């Protein structure tokens, strides 16, 4: 959290990562404190990047190219 605050206004996370943070919080027995940190601390200082059609196309092109070259591509979130 401290590192996020150090770079206030200059950090971004993709929407998929935000979804993972929420999943992690809701997986806890008591998600309220984590949800509060996500919504009040992280989202106050970090921009969220949408994953749109252009992003999906670029992802597909890069991943497909790597696979065609025989480069191992690990599973992603």
PDB file of N, CA and C in Angstrom:
ATOM      1  N   UNK A   1       0.825  -1.187   0.000  1.00  0.00           N
ATOM      2  CA  UNK A   1       0.000   0.000   0.000  1.00  0.00           C
ATOM      3  C   UNK A   1       0.871   1.253   0.000  1.00  0.00           C
ATOM      4  N   UNK A   2       1.940   1.213   0.776  1.00  0.00           N
ATOM      5  CA  UNK A   2       2.824   2.373   0.881  1.00  0.00           C
ATOM      6  C   UNK A   2       3.388   2.762  -0.488  1.00  0.00           C
ATOM      7  N   UNK A   3       3.766   1.770  -1.291  1.00  0.00           N
ATOM      8  CA  UNK A   3       4.315   2.065  -2.615  1.00  0.00           C
ATOM      9  C   UNK A   3       3.283   2.714  -3.524  1.00  0.00           C
ATOM     10  N   UNK A   4       2.021   2.312  -3.405  1.00  0.00           N
ATOM     11  CA  UNK A   4       0.972   2.948  -4.192  1.00  0.00           C
ATOM     12  C   UNK A   4       0.874   4.428  -3.842  1.00  0.00           C
ATOM     13  N   UNK A   5       0.888   4.716  -2.567  1.00  0.00           N
ATOM     14  CA  UNK A   5       0.747   6.092  -2.107  1.00  0.00           C
ATOM     15  C   UNK A   5       1.931   6.944  -2.556  1.00  0.00           C
ATOM     16  N   UNK A   6       3.125   6.368  -2.580  1.00  0.00           N
ATOM     17  CA  UNK A   6       4.315   7.100  -3.012  1.00  0.00           C
ATOM     18  C   UNK A   6       4.171   7.635  -4.439  1.00  0.00           C
ATOM     19  N   UNK A   7       3.452   6.893  -5.266  1.00  0.00           N
ATOM     20  CA  UNK A   7       3.316   7.255  -6.684  1.00  0.00           C
ATOM     21  C   UNK A   7       1.914   7.767  -6.998  1.00  0.00           C
ATOM     22  N   UNK A   8       1.290   8.387  -6.046  1.00  0.00           N
ATOM     23  CA  UNK A   8      -0.080   8.866  -6.190  1.00  0.00           C
ATOM     24  C   UNK A   8      -0.270   9.617  -7.509  1.00  0.00           C
ATOM     25  N   UNK A   9      -1.298   9.217  -8.219  1.00  0.00           N
ATOM     26  CA  UNK A   9      -1.622   9.871  -9.469  1.00  0.00           C
ATOM     27  C   UNK A   9      -0.879   9.328 -10.665  1.00  0.00           C
ATOM     28  N   UNK A  10       0.088   8.445 -10.447  1.00  0.00           N
ATOM     29  CA  UNK A  10       0.870   7.933 -11.558  1.00  0.00           C
ATOM     30  C   UNK A  10       0.796   6.432 -11.735  1.00  0.00           C
ATOM     31  N   UNK A  11      -0.053   5.777 -10.961  1.00  0.00           N
ATOM     32  CA  UNK A  11      -0.160   4.327 -11.058  1.00  0.00           C
ATOM     33  C   UNK A  11      -1.536   3.924 -11.573  1.00  0.00           C
ATOM     34  N   UNK A  12      -1.534   2.851 -12.339  1.00  0.00           N
ATOM     35  CA  UNK A  12      -2.774   2.325 -12.892  1.00  0.00           C
ATOM     36  C   UNK A  12      -2.774   0.814 -12.750  1.00  0.00           C
ATOM     37  N   UNK A  13      -3.953   0.236 -12.594  1.00  0.00           N
ATOM     38  CA  UNK A  13      -4.111  -1.215 -12.613  1.00  0.00           C
ATOM     39  C   UNK A  13      -5.197  -1.540 -13.630  1.00  0.00           C
ATOM     40  N   UNK A  14      -5.079  -2.686 -14.287  1.00  0.00           N
ATOM     41  CA  UNK A  14      -6.142  -3.075 -15.213  1.00  0.00           C
ATOM     42  C   UNK A  14      -7.384  -3.519 -14.442  1.00  0.00           C
ATOM     43  N   UNK A  15      -8.511  -3.383 -15.058  1.00  0.00           N
ATOM     44  CA  UNK A  15      -9.790  -3.740 -14.452  1.00  0.00           C
ATOM     45  C   UNK A  15      -9.788  -5.200 -13.980  1.00  0.00           C
ATOM     46  N   UNK A  16      -9.058  -6.058 -14.680  1.00  0.00           N
ATOM     47  CA  UNK A  16      -8.989  -7.468 -14.300  1.00  0.00           C
ATOM     48  C   UNK A  16      -8.319  -7.614 -12.938  1.00  0.00           C
ATOM     49  N   UNK A  17      -7.284  -6.833 -12.681  1.00  0.00           N
ATOM     50  CA  UNK A  17      -6.604  -6.873 -11.379  1.00  0.00           C
ATOM     51  C   UNK A  17      -7.543  -6.380 -10.287  1.00  0.00           C
ATOM     52  N   UNK A  18      -8.323  -5.352 -10.561  1.00  0.00           N
ATOM     53  CA  UNK A  18      -9.287  -4.877  -9.578  1.00  0.00           C
ATOM     54  C   UNK A  18     -10.285  -5.985  -9.245  1.00  0.00           C
ATOM     55  N   UNK A  19     -10.726  -6.709 -10.251  1.00  0.00           N
ATOM     56  CA  UNK A  19     -11.621  -7.838 -10.013  1.00  0.00           C
ATOM     57  C   UNK A  19     -10.978  -8.899  -9.134  1.00  0.00           C
ATOM     58  N   UNK A  20      -9.693  -9.156  -9.357  1.00  0.00           N
ATOM     59  CA  UNK A  20      -8.966 -10.125  -8.530  1.00  0.00           C
ATOM     60  C   UNK A  20      -8.861  -9.643  -7.085  1.00  0.00           C
ATOM     61  N   UNK A  21      -8.630  -8.356  -6.891  1.00  0.00           N
ATOM     62  CA  UNK A  21      -8.581  -7.815  -5.531  1.00  0.00           C
ATOM     63  C   UNK A  21      -9.918  -7.991  -4.825  1.00  0.00           C
ATOM     64  N   UNK A  22     -11.010  -7.709  -5.537  1.00  0.00           N
ATOM     65  CA  UNK A  22     -12.331  -7.908  -4.945  1.00  0.00           C
ATOM     66  C   UNK A  22     -12.578  -9.386  -4.644  1.00  0.00           C
ATOM     67  N   UNK A  23     -12.193 -10.272  -5.543  1.00  0.00           N
ATOM     68  CA  UNK A  23     -12.367 -11.712  -5.304  1.00  0.00           C
ATOM     69  C   UNK A  23     -11.593 -12.142  -4.064  1.00  0.00           C
ATOM     70  N   UNK A  24     -10.362 -11.649  -3.925  1.00  0.00           N
ATOM     71  CA  UNK A  24      -9.541 -11.967  -2.760  1.00  0.00           C
ATOM     72  C   UNK A  24     -10.233 -11.484  -1.490  1.00  0.00           C
ATOM     73  N   UNK A  25     -10.782 -10.279  -1.529  1.00  0.00           N
ATOM     74  CA  UNK A  25     -11.463  -9.738  -0.354  1.00  0.00           C
ATOM     75  C   UNK A  25     -12.694 -10.568   0.006  1.00  0.00           C
ATOM     76  N   UNK A  26     -13.524 -10.860  -0.981  1.00  0.00           N
ATOM     77  CA  UNK A  26     -14.756 -11.600  -0.713  1.00  0.00           C
ATOM     78  C   UNK A  26     -14.498 -13.062  -0.349  1.00  0.00           C
ATOM     79  N   UNK A  27     -13.306 -13.542  -0.610  1.00  0.00           N
ATOM     80  CA  UNK A  27     -12.942 -14.910  -0.239  1.00  0.00           C
ATOM     81  C   UNK A  27     -12.614 -15.006   1.252  1.00  0.00           C
ATOM     82  N   UNK A  28     -12.380 -13.898   1.906  1.00  0.00           N
ATOM     83  CA  UNK A  28     -12.047 -13.856   3.326  1.00  0.00           C
ATOM     84  C   UNK A  28     -13.301 -14.050   4.175  1.00  0.00           C
ATOM     85  N   UNK A  29     -13.084 -14.470   5.400  1.00  0.00           N
ATOM     86  CA  UNK A  29     -14.211 -14.616   6.328  1.00  0.00           C
ATOM     87  C   UNK A  29     -14.860 -13.275   6.633  1.00  0.00           C
ATOM     88  N   UNK A  30     -14.053 -12.236   6.746  1.00  0.00           N
ATOM     89  CA  UNK A  30     -14.559 -10.901   7.023  1.00  0.00           C
ATOM     90  C   UNK A  30     -13.960  -9.931   6.005  1.00  0.00           C
ATOM     91  N   UNK A  31     -14.636  -9.736   4.885  1.00  0.00           N
ATOM     92  CA  UNK A  31     -14.051  -8.933   3.808  1.00  0.00           C
ATOM     93  C   UNK A  31     -14.092  -7.421   4.035  1.00  0.00           C
ATOM     94  N   UNK A  32     -14.837  -6.948   5.032  1.00  0.00           N
ATOM     95  CA  UNK A  32     -15.065  -5.509   5.161  1.00  0.00           C
ATOM     96  C   UNK A  32     -13.790  -4.692   5.232  1.00  0.00           C
ATOM     97  N   UNK A  33     -12.824  -5.085   6.028  1.00  0.00           N
ATOM     98  CA  UNK A  33     -11.613  -4.267   6.163  1.00  0.00           C
ATOM     99  C   UNK A  33     -10.832  -4.212   4.850  1.00  0.00           C
ATOM    100  N   UNK A  34     -10.789  -5.310   4.131  1.00  0.00           N
ATOM    101  CA  UNK A  34     -10.076  -5.326   2.853  1.00  0.00           C
ATOM    102  C   UNK A  34     -10.847  -4.514   1.813  1.00  0.00           C
ATOM    103  N   UNK A  35     -12.159  -4.665   1.794  1.00  0.00           N
ATOM    104  CA  UNK A  35     -12.971  -3.878   0.868  1.00  0.00           C
ATOM    105  C   UNK A  35     -12.800  -2.385   1.132  1.00  0.00           C
ATOM    106  N   UNK A  36     -12.756  -2.013   2.408  1.00  0.00           N
ATOM    107  CA  UNK A  36     -12.529  -0.605   2.747  1.00  0.00           C
ATOM    108  C   UNK A  36     -11.185  -0.120   2.217  1.00  0.00           C
ATOM    109  N   UNK A  37     -10.153  -0.933   2.350  1.00  0.00           N
ATOM    110  CA  UNK A  37      -8.816  -0.541   1.861  1.00  0.00           C
ATOM    111  C   UNK A  37      -8.815  -0.411   0.343  1.00  0.00           C
ATOM    112  N   UNK A  38      -9.471  -1.351  -0.333  1.00  0.00           N
ATOM    113  CA  UNK A  38      -9.538  -1.286  -1.797  1.00  0.00           C
ATOM    114  C   UNK A  38     -10.231   0.006  -2.218  1.00  0.00           C
ATOM    115  N   UNK A  39     -11.396   0.245  -1.642  1.00  0.00           N
ATOM    116  CA  UNK A  39     -12.221   1.357  -2.097  1.00  0.00           C
ATOM    117  C   UNK A  39     -11.741   2.718  -1.597  1.00  0.00           C
ATOM    118  N   UNK A  40     -11.198   2.780  -0.403  1.00  0.00           N
ATOM    119  CA  UNK A  40     -10.802   4.071   0.160  1.00  0.00           C
ATOM    120  C   UNK A  40      -9.333   4.401  -0.030  1.00  0.00           C
ATOM    121  N   UNK A  41      -8.492   3.398  -0.124  1.00  0.00           N
ATOM    122  CA  UNK A  41      -7.061   3.650  -0.243  1.00  0.00           C
ATOM    123  C   UNK A  41      -6.568   3.448  -1.676  1.00  0.00           C
ATOM    124  N   UNK A  42      -6.786   2.270  -2.205  1.00  0.00           N
ATOM    125  CA  UNK A  42      -6.260   1.974  -3.542  1.00  0.00           C
ATOM    126  C   UNK A  42      -6.966   2.802  -4.609  1.00  0.00           C
ATOM    127  N   UNK A  43      -8.283   2.743  -4.651  1.00  0.00           N
ATOM    128  CA  UNK A  43      -9.012   3.437  -5.719  1.00  0.00           C
ATOM    129  C   UNK A  43      -8.927   4.951  -5.601  1.00  0.00           C
ATOM    130  N   UNK A  44      -8.568   5.448  -4.429  1.00  0.00           N
ATOM    131  CA  UNK A  44      -8.389   6.893  -4.266  1.00  0.00           C
ATOM    132  C   UNK A  44      -7.099   7.366  -4.922  1.00  0.00           C
ATOM    133  N   UNK A  45      -6.124   6.464  -5.058  1.00  0.00           N
ATOM    134  CA  UNK A  45      -4.799   6.862  -5.550  1.00  0.00           C
ATOM    135  C   UNK A  45      -4.374   6.187  -6.850  1.00  0.00           C
ATOM    136  N   UNK A  46      -5.107   5.196  -7.293  1.00  0.00           N
ATOM    137  CA  UNK A  46      -4.690   4.409  -8.451  1.00  0.00           C
ATOM    138  C   UNK A  46      -5.788   4.448  -9.505  1.00  0.00           C
ATOM    139  N   UNK A  47      -5.405   4.754 -10.738  1.00  0.00           N
ATOM    140  CA  UNK A  47      -6.361   4.739 -11.830  1.00  0.00           C
ATOM    141  C   UNK A  47      -6.646   3.318 -12.277  1.00  0.00           C
ATOM    142  N   UNK A  48      -7.800   3.113 -12.873  1.00  0.00           N
ATOM    143  CA  UNK A  48      -8.192   1.785 -13.355  1.00  0.00           C
ATOM    144  C   UNK A  48      -8.300   1.841 -14.873  1.00  0.00           C
ATOM    145  N   UNK A  49      -7.609   0.908 -15.522  1.00  0.00           N
ATOM    146  CA  UNK A  49      -7.617   0.834 -16.985  1.00  0.00           C
ATOM    147  C   UNK A  49      -8.642  -0.203 -17.448  1.00  0.00           C
ATOM    148  N   UNK A  50      -9.517   0.219 -18.333  1.00  0.00           N
ATOM    149  CA  UNK A  50     -10.486  -0.716 -18.896  1.00  0.00           C
ATOM    150  C   UNK A  50      -9.801  -1.679 -19.844  1.00  0.00           C
ATOM    151  N   UNK A  51     -10.350  -2.855 -19.956  1.00  0.00           N
ATOM    152  CA  UNK A  51      -9.879  -3.837 -20.925  1.00  0.00           C
ATOM    153  C   UNK A  51     -10.910  -3.834 -22.039  1.00  0.00           C
ATOM    154  N   UNK A  52     -10.565  -3.172 -23.131  1.00  0.00           N
ATOM    155  CA  UNK A  52     -11.510  -2.978 -24.209  1.00  0.00           C
ATOM    156  C   UNK A  52     -11.163  -3.868 -25.404  1.00  0.00           C
ATOM    157  N   UNK A  53     -11.873  -3.685 -26.494  1.00  0.00           N
ATOM    158  CA  UNK A  53     -11.676  -4.506 -27.690  1.00  0.00           C
ATOM    159  C   UNK A  53     -10.257  -4.344 -28.234  1.00  0.00           C
ATOM    160  N   UNK A  54      -9.748  -3.123 -28.279  1.00  0.00           N
ATOM    161  CA  UNK A  54      -8.387  -2.915 -28.778  1.00  0.00           C
ATOM    162  C   UNK A  54      -7.364  -3.632 -27.894  1.00  0.00           C
ATOM    163  N   UNK A  55      -7.573  -3.589 -26.587  1.00  0.00           N
ATOM    164  CA  UNK A  55      -6.671  -4.287 -25.661  1.00  0.00           C
ATOM    165  C   UNK A  55      -6.733  -5.796 -25.887  1.00  0.00           C
ATOM    166  N   UNK A  56      -7.932  -6.321 -26.068  1.00  0.00           N
ATOM    167  CA  UNK A  56      -8.094  -7.756 -26.309  1.00  0.00           C
ATOM    168  C   UNK A  56      -7.425  -8.172 -27.618  1.00  0.00           C
ATOM    169  N   UNK A  57      -7.548  -7.342 -28.638  1.00  0.00           N
ATOM    170  CA  UNK A  57      -6.935  -7.631 -29.934  1.00  0.00           C
ATOM    171  C   UNK A  57      -5.407  -7.659 -29.810  1.00  0.00           C
ATOM    172  N   UNK A  58      -4.847  -6.684 -29.137  1.00  0.00           N
ATOM    173  CA  UNK A  58      -3.385  -6.617 -28.945  1.00  0.00           C
ATOM    174  C   UNK A  58      -2.894  -7.799 -28.125  1.00  0.00           C
ATOM    175  N   UNK A  59      -3.624  -8.121 -27.067  1.00  0.00           N
ATOM    176  CA  UNK A  59      -3.288  -9.287 -26.257  1.00  0.00           C
ATOM    177  C   UNK A  59      -3.263 -10.547 -27.121  1.00  0.00           C
ATOM    178  N   UNK A  60      -4.306 -10.723 -27.917  1.00  0.00           N
ATOM    179  CA  UNK A  60      -4.389 -11.900 -28.776  1.00  0.00           C
ATOM    180  C   UNK A  60      -3.250 -11.964 -29.775  1.00  0.00           C
ATOM    181  N   UNK A  61      -2.896 -10.831 -30.359  1.00  0.00           N
ATOM    182  CA  UNK A  61      -1.805 -10.798 -31.332  1.00  0.00           C
ATOM    183  C   UNK A  61      -0.474 -11.170 -30.675  1.00  0.00           C
ATOM    184  N   UNK A  62      -0.203 -10.608 -29.519  1.00  0.00           N
ATOM    185  CA  UNK A  62       1.066 -10.899 -28.832  1.00  0.00           C
ATOM    186  C   UNK A  62       1.108 -12.346 -28.371  1.00  0.00           C
ATOM    187  N   UNK A  63       0.042 -12.809 -27.745  1.00  0.00           N
ATOM    188  CA  UNK A  63       0.025 -14.195 -27.241  1.00  0.00           C
ATOM    189  C   UNK A  63       0.098 -15.186 -28.400  1.00  0.00           C
ATOM    190  N   UNK A  64      -0.655 -14.931 -29.460  1.00  0.00           N
ATOM    191  CA  UNK A  64      -0.618 -15.824 -30.623  1.00  0.00           C
ATOM    192  C   UNK A  64       0.764 -15.887 -31.242  1.00  0.00           C
ATOM    193  N   UNK A  65       1.424 -14.745 -31.354  1.00  0.00           N
ATOM    194  CA  UNK A  65       2.778 -14.700 -31.902  1.00  0.00           C
ATOM    195  C   UNK A  65       3.748 -15.508 -31.038  1.00  0.00           C
ATOM    196  N   UNK A  66       3.646 -15.345 -29.734  1.00  0.00           N
ATOM    197  CA  UNK A  66       4.519 -16.111 -28.831  1.00  0.00           C
ATOM    198  C   UNK A  66       4.274 -17.608 -28.957  1.00  0.00           C
ATOM    199  N   UNK A  67       3.014 -17.993 -29.016  1.00  0.00           N
ATOM    200  CA  UNK A  67       2.678 -19.415 -29.154  1.00  0.00           C
ATOM    201  C   UNK A  67       3.199 -19.979 -30.476  1.00  0.00           C
ATOM    202  N   UNK A  68       3.088 -19.198 -31.560  1.00  0.00           N
ATOM    203  CA  UNK A  68       3.592 -19.640 -32.861  1.00  0.00           C
ATOM    204  C   UNK A  68       5.097 -19.841 -32.856  1.00  0.00           C
ATOM    205  N   UNK A  69       5.797 -19.091 -32.032  1.00  0.00           N
ATOM    206  CA  UNK A  69       7.255 -19.217 -31.918  1.00  0.00           C
ATOM    207  C   UNK A  69       7.660 -20.338 -30.968  1.00  0.00           C
ATOM    208  N   UNK A  70       6.671 -20.974 -30.346  1.00  0.00           N
ATOM    209  CA  UNK A  70       6.984 -22.042 -29.396  1.00  0.00           C
ATOM    210  C   UNK A  70       7.301 -21.553 -27.998  1.00  0.00           C
ATOM    211  N   UNK A  71       7.056 -20.284 -27.766  1.00  0.00           N
ATOM    212  CA  UNK A  71       7.319 -19.716 -26.441  1.00  0.00           C
ATOM    213  C   UNK A  71       6.215 -20.149 -25.490  1.00  0.00           C
ATOM    214  N   UNK A  72       6.609 -20.697 -24.370  1.00  0.00           N
ATOM    215  CA  UNK A  72       5.644 -21.120 -23.358  1.00  0.00           C
ATOM    216  C   UNK A  72       4.976 -19.891 -22.779  1.00  0.00           C
ATOM    217  N   UNK A  73       3.664 -19.925 -22.789  1.00  0.00           N
ATOM    218  CA  UNK A  73       2.883 -18.824 -22.240  1.00  0.00           C
ATOM    219  C   UNK A  73       2.067 -19.391 -21.094  1.00  0.00           C
ATOM    220  N   UNK A  74       2.355 -18.908 -19.883  1.00  0.00           N
ATOM    221  CA  UNK A  74       1.654 -19.412 -18.703  1.00  0.00           C
ATOM    222  C   UNK A  74       0.194 -18.986 -18.664  1.00  0.00           C
ATOM    223  N   UNK A  75      -0.566 -19.667 -17.826  1.00  0.00           N
ATOM    224  CA  UNK A  75      -1.965 -19.302 -17.633  1.00  0.00           C
ATOM    225  C   UNK A  75      -2.034 -17.953 -16.945  1.00  0.00           C
ATOM    226  N   UNK A  76      -3.042 -17.194 -17.302  1.00  0.00           N
ATOM    227  CA  UNK A  76      -3.219 -15.886 -16.715  1.00  0.00           C
ATOM    228  C   UNK A  76      -4.500 -15.842 -15.909  1.00  0.00           C
ATOM    229  N   UNK A  77      -4.619 -14.814 -15.101  1.00  0.00           N
ATOM    230  CA  UNK A  77      -5.846 -14.617 -14.319  1.00  0.00           C
ATOM    231  C   UNK A  77      -6.979 -14.298 -15.250  1.00  0.00           C
TER     232      UNK A  77
END
